[in-house]
Amino acid sequence: MTLTRSDDDKWIAGVCGGLAQGFGVEAQWIRLGFAIFAIFGGASIAIYVLLWIILPRPTGGTIAEEAIKKGKDWYADNKKPKDEF
């Protein structure tokens, strides 16, 4: 079983749809579970954001990988010496 975010069944980022596809349940039950836990503690919001960052898209790649690549590119561009006045 490979967990990915869903491109077809999503409201925000496809996390619940992807979890539902991976576990073979309806996405509405996953969404309901996240909503209930958000109301009674709020930890599900942090878990949702974490899963959004680390779960890959069906086409591949995660937000974390993209952020690291952009950070490295930015650092390489800004590491070059600037012209001094």
PDB file of N, CA and C in Angstrom:
ATOM      1  N   MET A   1       0.843  -1.174   0.000  1.00  0.00           N
ATOM      2  CA  MET A   1       0.000   0.000   0.000  1.00  0.00           C
ATOM      3  C   MET A   1       0.893   1.243   0.000  1.00  0.00           C
ATOM      4  N   THR A   2       0.674   2.098  -0.971  1.00  0.00           N
ATOM      5  CA  THR A   2       1.401   3.348  -1.058  1.00  0.00           C
ATOM      6  C   THR A   2       0.424   4.494  -0.847  1.00  0.00           C
ATOM      7  N   LEU A   3       0.723   5.337   0.118  1.00  0.00           N
ATOM      8  CA  LEU A   3      -0.135   6.482   0.378  1.00  0.00           C
ATOM      9  C   LEU A   3       0.339   7.675  -0.443  1.00  0.00           C
ATOM     10  N   THR A   4      -0.594   8.301  -1.136  1.00  0.00           N
ATOM     11  CA  THR A   4      -0.327   9.529  -1.874  1.00  0.00           C
ATOM     12  C   THR A   4      -1.506  10.462  -1.661  1.00  0.00           C
ATOM     13  N   ARG A   5      -1.307  11.725  -1.978  1.00  0.00           N
ATOM     14  CA  ARG A   5      -2.429  12.651  -1.985  1.00  0.00           C
ATOM     15  C   ARG A   5      -3.255  12.389  -3.232  1.00  0.00           C
ATOM     16  N   SER A   6      -4.507  12.753  -3.198  1.00  0.00           N
ATOM     17  CA  SER A   6      -5.392  12.506  -4.328  1.00  0.00           C
ATOM     18  C   SER A   6      -5.540  13.758  -5.177  1.00  0.00           C
ATOM     19  N   ASP A   7      -5.495  13.582  -6.490  1.00  0.00           N
ATOM     20  CA  ASP A   7      -5.785  14.691  -7.398  1.00  0.00           C
ATOM     21  C   ASP A   7      -7.267  14.742  -7.754  1.00  0.00           C
ATOM     22  N   ASP A   8      -7.959  13.603  -7.613  1.00  0.00           N
ATOM     23  CA  ASP A   8      -9.362  13.512  -8.007  1.00  0.00           C
ATOM     24  C   ASP A   8     -10.329  13.821  -6.873  1.00  0.00           C
ATOM     25  N   ASP A   9     -10.025  13.346  -5.689  1.00  0.00           N
ATOM     26  CA  ASP A   9     -10.933  13.465  -4.543  1.00  0.00           C
ATOM     27  C   ASP A   9     -10.301  14.381  -3.505  1.00  0.00           C
ATOM     28  N   LYS A  10     -10.423  15.697  -3.743  1.00  0.00           N
ATOM     29  CA  LYS A  10      -9.819  16.622  -2.786  1.00  0.00           C
ATOM     30  C   LYS A  10     -10.687  17.842  -2.585  1.00  0.00           C
ATOM     31  N   TRP A  11     -10.601  18.375  -1.363  1.00  0.00           N
ATOM     32  CA  TRP A  11     -11.240  19.651  -1.041  1.00  0.00           C
ATOM     33  C   TRP A  11     -10.173  20.716  -0.868  1.00  0.00           C
ATOM     34  N   ILE A  12      -9.099  20.370  -0.166  1.00  0.00           N
ATOM     35  CA  ILE A  12      -8.027  21.335   0.075  1.00  0.00           C
ATOM     36  C   ILE A  12      -6.752  20.858  -0.617  1.00  0.00           C
ATOM     37  N   ALA A  13      -6.171  19.780  -0.129  1.00  0.00           N
ATOM     38  CA  ALA A  13      -4.896  19.324  -0.678  1.00  0.00           C
ATOM     39  C   ALA A  13      -4.911  17.865  -1.123  1.00  0.00           C
ATOM     40  N   GLY A  14      -6.003  17.170  -0.937  1.00  0.00           N
ATOM     41  CA  GLY A  14      -6.095  15.777  -1.352  1.00  0.00           C
ATOM     42  C   GLY A  14      -5.613  14.784  -0.318  1.00  0.00           C
ATOM     43  N   VAL A  15      -5.346  15.248   0.903  1.00  0.00           N
ATOM     44  CA  VAL A  15      -4.842  14.354   1.947  1.00  0.00           C
ATOM     45  C   VAL A  15      -5.905  13.324   2.328  1.00  0.00           C
ATOM     46  N   CYS A  16      -7.098  13.761   2.629  1.00  0.00           N
ATOM     47  CA  CYS A  16      -8.153  12.832   3.052  1.00  0.00           C
ATOM     48  C   CYS A  16      -8.534  11.879   1.929  1.00  0.00           C
ATOM     49  N   GLY A  17      -8.618  12.386   0.705  1.00  0.00           N
ATOM     50  CA  GLY A  17      -8.920  11.529  -0.436  1.00  0.00           C
ATOM     51  C   GLY A  17      -7.842  10.485  -0.651  1.00  0.00           C
ATOM     52  N   GLY A  18      -6.598  10.882  -0.502  1.00  0.00           N
ATOM     53  CA  GLY A  18      -5.493   9.937  -0.652  1.00  0.00           C
ATOM     54  C   GLY A  18      -5.476   8.883   0.442  1.00  0.00           C
ATOM     55  N   LEU A  19      -5.726   9.306   1.683  1.00  0.00           N
ATOM     56  CA  LEU A  19      -5.794   8.343   2.787  1.00  0.00           C
ATOM     57  C   LEU A  19      -6.948   7.367   2.573  1.00  0.00           C
ATOM     58  N   ALA A  20      -8.079   7.879   2.109  1.00  0.00           N
ATOM     59  CA  ALA A  20      -9.242   7.025   1.862  1.00  0.00           C
ATOM     60  C   ALA A  20      -8.937   6.000   0.772  1.00  0.00           C
ATOM     61  N   GLN A  21      -8.294   6.425  -0.298  1.00  0.00           N
ATOM     62  CA  GLN A  21      -7.926   5.483  -1.359  1.00  0.00           C
ATOM     63  C   GLN A  21      -6.947   4.434  -0.851  1.00  0.00           C
ATOM     64  N   GLY A  22      -5.991   4.861  -0.042  1.00  0.00           N
ATOM     65  CA  GLY A  22      -4.989   3.938   0.485  1.00  0.00           C
ATOM     66  C   GLY A  22      -5.561   2.902   1.431  1.00  0.00           C
ATOM     67  N   PHE A  23      -6.527   3.310   2.257  1.00  0.00           N
ATOM     68  CA  PHE A  23      -7.107   2.396   3.235  1.00  0.00           C
ATOM     69  C   PHE A  23      -8.401   1.746   2.762  1.00  0.00           C
ATOM     70  N   GLY A  24      -8.891   2.136   1.590  1.00  0.00           N
ATOM     71  CA  GLY A  24     -10.086   1.519   1.024  1.00  0.00           C
ATOM     72  C   GLY A  24     -11.377   1.893   1.730  1.00  0.00           C
ATOM     73  N   VAL A  25     -11.483   3.133   2.176  1.00  0.00           N
ATOM     74  CA  VAL A  25     -12.717   3.614   2.813  1.00  0.00           C
ATOM     75  C   VAL A  25     -13.193   4.864   2.076  1.00  0.00           C
ATOM     76  N   GLU A  26     -14.373   5.319   2.417  1.00  0.00           N
ATOM     77  CA  GLU A  26     -14.917   6.544   1.831  1.00  0.00           C
ATOM     78  C   GLU A  26     -14.183   7.755   2.400  1.00  0.00           C
ATOM     79  N   ALA A  27     -13.896   8.722   1.551  1.00  0.00           N
ATOM     80  CA  ALA A  27     -13.178   9.924   1.977  1.00  0.00           C
ATOM     81  C   ALA A  27     -13.970  10.720   3.005  1.00  0.00           C
ATOM     82  N   GLN A  28     -15.292  10.653   2.952  1.00  0.00           N
ATOM     83  CA  GLN A  28     -16.105  11.415   3.903  1.00  0.00           C
ATOM     84  C   GLN A  28     -15.839  10.983   5.341  1.00  0.00           C
ATOM     85  N   TRP A  29     -15.520   9.701   5.566  1.00  0.00           N
ATOM     86  CA  TRP A  29     -15.246   9.222   6.927  1.00  0.00           C
ATOM     87  C   TRP A  29     -13.913   9.755   7.435  1.00  0.00           C
ATOM     88  N   ILE A  30     -12.927   9.827   6.556  1.00  0.00           N
ATOM     89  CA  ILE A  30     -11.635  10.394   6.934  1.00  0.00           C
ATOM     90  C   ILE A  30     -11.805  11.880   7.257  1.00  0.00           C
ATOM     91  N   ARG A  31     -12.545  12.591   6.406  1.00  0.00           N
ATOM     92  CA  ARG A  31     -12.791  14.023   6.639  1.00  0.00           C
ATOM     93  C   ARG A  31     -13.551  14.245   7.941  1.00  0.00           C
ATOM     94  N   LEU A  32     -14.539  13.405   8.195  1.00  0.00           N
ATOM     95  CA  LEU A  32     -15.312  13.517   9.433  1.00  0.00           C
ATOM     96  C   LEU A  32     -14.405  13.288  10.643  1.00  0.00           C
ATOM     97  N   GLY A  33     -13.525  12.309  10.566  1.00  0.00           N
ATOM     98  CA  GLY A  33     -12.587  12.047  11.667  1.00  0.00           C
ATOM     99  C   GLY A  33     -11.671  13.240  11.915  1.00  0.00           C
ATOM    100  N   PHE A  34     -11.132  13.833  10.848  1.00  0.00           N
ATOM    101  CA  PHE A  34     -10.287  15.018  11.006  1.00  0.00           C
ATOM    102  C   PHE A  34     -11.084  16.166  11.623  1.00  0.00           C
ATOM    103  N   ALA A  35     -12.335  16.350  11.196  1.00  0.00           N
ATOM    104  CA  ALA A  35     -13.160  17.441  11.728  1.00  0.00           C
ATOM    105  C   ALA A  35     -13.466  17.244  13.209  1.00  0.00           C
ATOM    106  N   ILE A  36     -13.812  16.019  13.572  1.00  0.00           N
ATOM    107  CA  ILE A  36     -14.133  15.742  14.988  1.00  0.00           C
ATOM    108  C   ILE A  36     -12.909  15.965  15.867  1.00  0.00           C
ATOM    109  N   PHE A  37     -11.763  15.454  15.436  1.00  0.00           N
ATOM    110  CA  PHE A  37     -10.550  15.640  16.238  1.00  0.00           C
ATOM    111  C   PHE A  37     -10.113  17.102  16.273  1.00  0.00           C
ATOM    112  N   ALA A  38     -10.410  17.860  15.228  1.00  0.00           N
ATOM    113  CA  ALA A  38     -10.083  19.294  15.226  1.00  0.00           C
ATOM    114  C   ALA A  38     -10.932  20.033  16.256  1.00  0.00           C
ATOM    115  N   ILE A  39     -12.195  19.642  16.362  1.00  0.00           N
ATOM    116  CA  ILE A  39     -13.093  20.293  17.314  1.00  0.00           C
ATOM    117  C   ILE A  39     -12.701  19.966  18.754  1.00  0.00           C
ATOM    118  N   PHE A  40     -12.290  18.722  18.999  1.00  0.00           N
ATOM    119  CA  PHE A  40     -12.006  18.283  20.365  1.00  0.00           C
ATOM    120  C   PHE A  40     -10.528  18.280  20.729  1.00  0.00           C
ATOM    121  N   GLY A  41      -9.724  19.045  20.066  1.00  0.00           N
ATOM    122  CA  GLY A  41      -8.321  19.087  20.475  1.00  0.00           C
ATOM    123  C   GLY A  41      -7.427  19.825  19.510  1.00  0.00           C
ATOM    124  N   GLY A  42      -7.748  19.784  18.248  1.00  0.00           N
ATOM    125  CA  GLY A  42      -6.987  20.536  17.274  1.00  0.00           C
ATOM    126  C   GLY A  42      -5.753  19.860  16.725  1.00  0.00           C
ATOM    127  N   ALA A  43      -5.382  18.694  17.241  1.00  0.00           N
ATOM    128  CA  ALA A  43      -4.168  18.030  16.754  1.00  0.00           C
ATOM    129  C   ALA A  43      -4.317  17.586  15.309  1.00  0.00           C
ATOM    130  N   SER A  44      -5.533  17.342  14.873  1.00  0.00           N
ATOM    131  CA  SER A  44      -5.712  16.865  13.508  1.00  0.00           C
ATOM    132  C   SER A  44      -5.331  17.922  12.480  1.00  0.00           C
ATOM    133  N   ILE A  45      -5.410  19.179  12.834  1.00  0.00           N
ATOM    134  CA  ILE A  45      -5.007  20.243  11.907  1.00  0.00           C
ATOM    135  C   ILE A  45      -3.503  20.157  11.668  1.00  0.00           C
ATOM    136  N   ALA A  46      -2.743  19.983  12.715  1.00  0.00           N
ATOM    137  CA  ALA A  46      -1.291  19.838  12.583  1.00  0.00           C
ATOM    138  C   ALA A  46      -0.941  18.561  11.819  1.00  0.00           C
ATOM    139  N   ILE A  47      -1.653  17.482  12.087  1.00  0.00           N
ATOM    140  CA  ILE A  47      -1.410  16.225  11.386  1.00  0.00           C
ATOM    141  C   ILE A  47      -1.728  16.376   9.904  1.00  0.00           C
ATOM    142  N   TYR A  48      -2.831  17.061   9.584  1.00  0.00           N
ATOM    143  CA  TYR A  48      -3.212  17.283   8.186  1.00  0.00           C
ATOM    144  C   TYR A  48      -2.118  18.073   7.461  1.00  0.00           C
ATOM    145  N   VAL A  49      -1.628  19.133   8.067  1.00  0.00           N
ATOM    146  CA  VAL A  49      -0.582  19.954   7.440  1.00  0.00           C
ATOM    147  C   VAL A  49       0.693  19.128   7.256  1.00  0.00           C
ATOM    148  N   LEU A  50       1.047  18.341   8.251  1.00  0.00           N
ATOM    149  CA  LEU A  50       2.227  17.488   8.147  1.00  0.00           C
ATOM    150  C   LEU A  50       2.075  16.484   6.998  1.00  0.00           C
ATOM    151  N   LEU A  51       0.914  15.854   6.903  1.00  0.00           N
ATOM    152  CA  LEU A  51       0.669  14.912   5.806  1.00  0.00           C
ATOM    153  C   LEU A  51       0.680  15.624   4.457  1.00  0.00           C
ATOM    154  N   TRP A  52       0.176  16.848   4.408  1.00  0.00           N
ATOM    155  CA  TRP A  52       0.191  17.643   3.189  1.00  0.00           C
ATOM    156  C   TRP A  52       1.638  17.847   2.716  1.00  0.00           C
ATOM    157  N   ILE A  53       2.518  18.061   3.669  1.00  0.00           N
ATOM    158  CA  ILE A  53       3.922  18.324   3.347  1.00  0.00           C
ATOM    159  C   ILE A  53       4.650  17.051   2.917  1.00  0.00           C
ATOM    160  N   ILE A  54       4.387  15.925   3.588  1.00  0.00           N
ATOM    161  CA  ILE A  54       5.203  14.734   3.342  1.00  0.00           C
ATOM    162  C   ILE A  54       4.589  13.714   2.387  1.00  0.00           C
ATOM    163  N   LEU A  55       3.270  13.719   2.189  1.00  0.00           N
ATOM    164  CA  LEU A  55       2.686  12.748   1.257  1.00  0.00           C
ATOM    165  C   LEU A  55       2.937  13.201  -0.182  1.00  0.00           C
ATOM    166  N   PRO A  56       3.411  12.302  -1.026  1.00  0.00           N
ATOM    167  CA  PRO A  56       3.661  12.692  -2.415  1.00  0.00           C
ATOM    168  C   PRO A  56       2.370  12.812  -3.216  1.00  0.00           C
ATOM    169  N   ARG A  57       2.451  13.586  -4.274  1.00  0.00           N
ATOM    170  CA  ARG A  57       1.362  13.648  -5.235  1.00  0.00           C
ATOM    171  C   ARG A  57       1.360  12.342  -6.025  1.00  0.00           C
ATOM    172  N   PRO A  58       0.252  11.987  -6.667  1.00  0.00           N
ATOM    173  CA  PRO A  58       0.248  10.770  -7.488  1.00  0.00           C
ATOM    174  C   PRO A  58       1.265  10.831  -8.627  1.00  0.00           C
ATOM    175  N   THR A  59       1.570  12.032  -9.093  1.00  0.00           N
ATOM    176  CA  THR A  59       2.548  12.200 -10.169  1.00  0.00           C
ATOM    177  C   THR A  59       3.975  12.207  -9.637  1.00  0.00           C
ATOM    178  N   GLY A  60       4.139  12.221  -8.321  1.00  0.00           N
ATOM    179  CA  GLY A  60       5.459  12.201  -7.696  1.00  0.00           C
ATOM    180  C   GLY A  60       5.835  13.549  -7.124  1.00  0.00           C
ATOM    181  N   GLY A  61       6.723  13.532  -6.169  1.00  0.00           N
ATOM    182  CA  GLY A  61       7.208  14.759  -5.550  1.00  0.00           C
ATOM    183  C   GLY A  61       6.347  15.211  -4.392  1.00  0.00           C
ATOM    184  N   THR A  62       7.013  15.793  -3.405  1.00  0.00           N
ATOM    185  CA  THR A  62       6.316  16.319  -2.236  1.00  0.00           C
ATOM    186  C   THR A  62       6.594  17.813  -2.113  1.00  0.00           C
ATOM    187  N   ILE A  63       5.828  18.477  -1.287  1.00  0.00           N
ATOM    188  CA  ILE A  63       6.056  19.891  -1.024  1.00  0.00           C
ATOM    189  C   ILE A  63       7.404  20.077  -0.341  1.00  0.00           C
ATOM    190  N   ALA A  64       7.772  19.152   0.540  1.00  0.00           N
ATOM    191  CA  ALA A  64       9.049  19.253   1.250  1.00  0.00           C
ATOM    192  C   ALA A  64      10.217  19.186   0.269  1.00  0.00           C
ATOM    193  N   GLU A  65      10.160  18.273  -0.692  1.00  0.00           N
ATOM    194  CA  GLU A  65      11.230  18.167  -1.688  1.00  0.00           C
ATOM    195  C   GLU A  65      11.354  19.444  -2.517  1.00  0.00           C
ATOM    196  N   GLU A  66      10.213  20.004  -2.916  1.00  0.00           N
ATOM    197  CA  GLU A  66      10.224  21.244  -3.694  1.00  0.00           C
ATOM    198  C   GLU A  66      10.803  22.401  -2.882  1.00  0.00           C
ATOM    199  N   ALA A  67      10.441  22.478  -1.607  1.00  0.00           N
ATOM    200  CA  ALA A  67      10.949  23.554  -0.752  1.00  0.00           C
ATOM    201  C   ALA A  67      12.452  23.447  -0.563  1.00  0.00           C
ATOM    202  N   ILE A  68      12.950  22.235  -0.377  1.00  0.00           N
ATOM    203  CA  ILE A  68      14.390  22.047  -0.215  1.00  0.00           C
ATOM    204  C   ILE A  68      15.125  22.438  -1.494  1.00  0.00           C
ATOM    205  N   LYS A  69      14.586  22.042  -2.636  1.00  0.00           N
ATOM    206  CA  LYS A  69      15.226  22.389  -3.909  1.00  0.00           C
ATOM    207  C   LYS A  69      15.233  23.903  -4.115  1.00  0.00           C
ATOM    208  N   LYS A  70      14.106  24.558  -3.846  1.00  0.00           N
ATOM    209  CA  LYS A  70      14.043  26.018  -3.996  1.00  0.00           C
ATOM    210  C   LYS A  70      15.000  26.706  -3.030  1.00  0.00           C
ATOM    211  N   GLY A  71      15.112  26.188  -1.819  1.00  0.00           N
ATOM    212  CA  GLY A  71      16.044  26.758  -0.842  1.00  0.00           C
ATOM    213  C   GLY A  71      17.486  26.632  -1.298  1.00  0.00           C
ATOM    214  N   LYS A  72      17.837  25.462  -1.834  1.00  0.00           N
ATOM    215  CA  LYS A  72      19.196  25.270  -2.345  1.00  0.00           C
ATOM    216  C   LYS A  72      19.478  26.188  -3.525  1.00  0.00           C
ATOM    217  N   ASP A  73      18.509  26.313  -4.432  1.00  0.00           N
ATOM    218  CA  ASP A  73      18.676  27.208  -5.583  1.00  0.00           C
ATOM    219  C   ASP A  73      18.835  28.654  -5.124  1.00  0.00           C
ATOM    220  N   TRP A  74      18.023  29.081  -4.163  1.00  0.00           N
ATOM    221  CA  TRP A  74      18.104  30.448  -3.646  1.00  0.00           C
ATOM    222  C   TRP A  74      19.467  30.688  -3.002  1.00  0.00           C
ATOM    223  N   TYR A  75      19.931  29.719  -2.217  1.00  0.00           N
ATOM    224  CA  TYR A  75      21.224  29.860  -1.548  1.00  0.00           C
ATOM    225  C   TYR A  75      22.355  29.948  -2.571  1.00  0.00           C
ATOM    226  N   ALA A  76      22.293  29.108  -3.601  1.00  0.00           N
ATOM    227  CA  ALA A  76      23.334  29.128  -4.637  1.00  0.00           C
ATOM    228  C   ALA A  76      23.346  30.469  -5.373  1.00  0.00           C
ATOM    229  N   ASP A  77      22.166  31.025  -5.635  1.00  0.00           N
ATOM    230  CA  ASP A  77      22.088  32.319  -6.319  1.00  0.00           C
ATOM    231  C   ASP A  77      22.586  33.459  -5.450  1.00  0.00           C
ATOM    232  N   ASN A  78      22.341  33.405  -4.151  1.00  0.00           N
ATOM    233  CA  ASN A  78      22.703  34.492  -3.252  1.00  0.00           C
ATOM    234  C   ASN A  78      24.088  34.336  -2.634  1.00  0.00           C
ATOM    235  N   LYS A  79      24.732  33.223  -2.876  1.00  0.00           N
ATOM    236  CA  LYS A  79      26.066  32.991  -2.343  1.00  0.00           C
ATOM    237  C   LYS A  79      27.132  33.693  -3.198  1.00  0.00           C
ATOM    238  N   LYS A  80      26.753  34.026  -4.409  1.00  0.00           N
ATOM    239  CA  LYS A  80      27.693  34.690  -5.303  1.00  0.00           C
ATOM    240  C   LYS A  80      28.079  36.051  -4.734  1.00  0.00           C
ATOM    241  N   PRO A  81      29.336  36.459  -4.889  1.00  0.00           N
ATOM    242  CA  PRO A  81      29.745  37.763  -4.341  1.00  0.00           C
ATOM    243  C   PRO A  81      29.026  38.907  -5.055  1.00  0.00           C
ATOM    244  N   LYS A  82      28.652  39.879  -4.268  1.00  0.00           N
ATOM    245  CA  LYS A  82      27.971  41.072  -4.793  1.00  0.00           C
ATOM    246  C   LYS A  82      29.008  42.126  -5.154  1.00  0.00           C
ATOM    247  N   ASP A  83      28.658  42.965  -6.084  1.00  0.00           N
ATOM    248  CA  ASP A  83      29.548  44.084  -6.419  1.00  0.00           C
ATOM    249  C   ASP A  83      29.562  45.045  -5.244  1.00  0.00           C
ATOM    250  N   GLU A  84      30.744  45.455  -4.868  1.00  0.00           N
ATOM    251  CA  GLU A  84      30.879  46.384  -3.748  1.00  0.00           C
ATOM    252  C   GLU A  84      30.995  47.787  -4.276  1.00  0.00           C
ATOM    253  N   PHE A  85      30.516  48.725  -3.498  1.00  0.00           N
ATOM    254  CA  PHE A  85      30.548  50.132  -3.909  1.00  0.00           C
ATOM    255  C   PHE A  85      31.841  50.769  -3.512  1.00  0.00           C
TER     256      PHE A  85
END
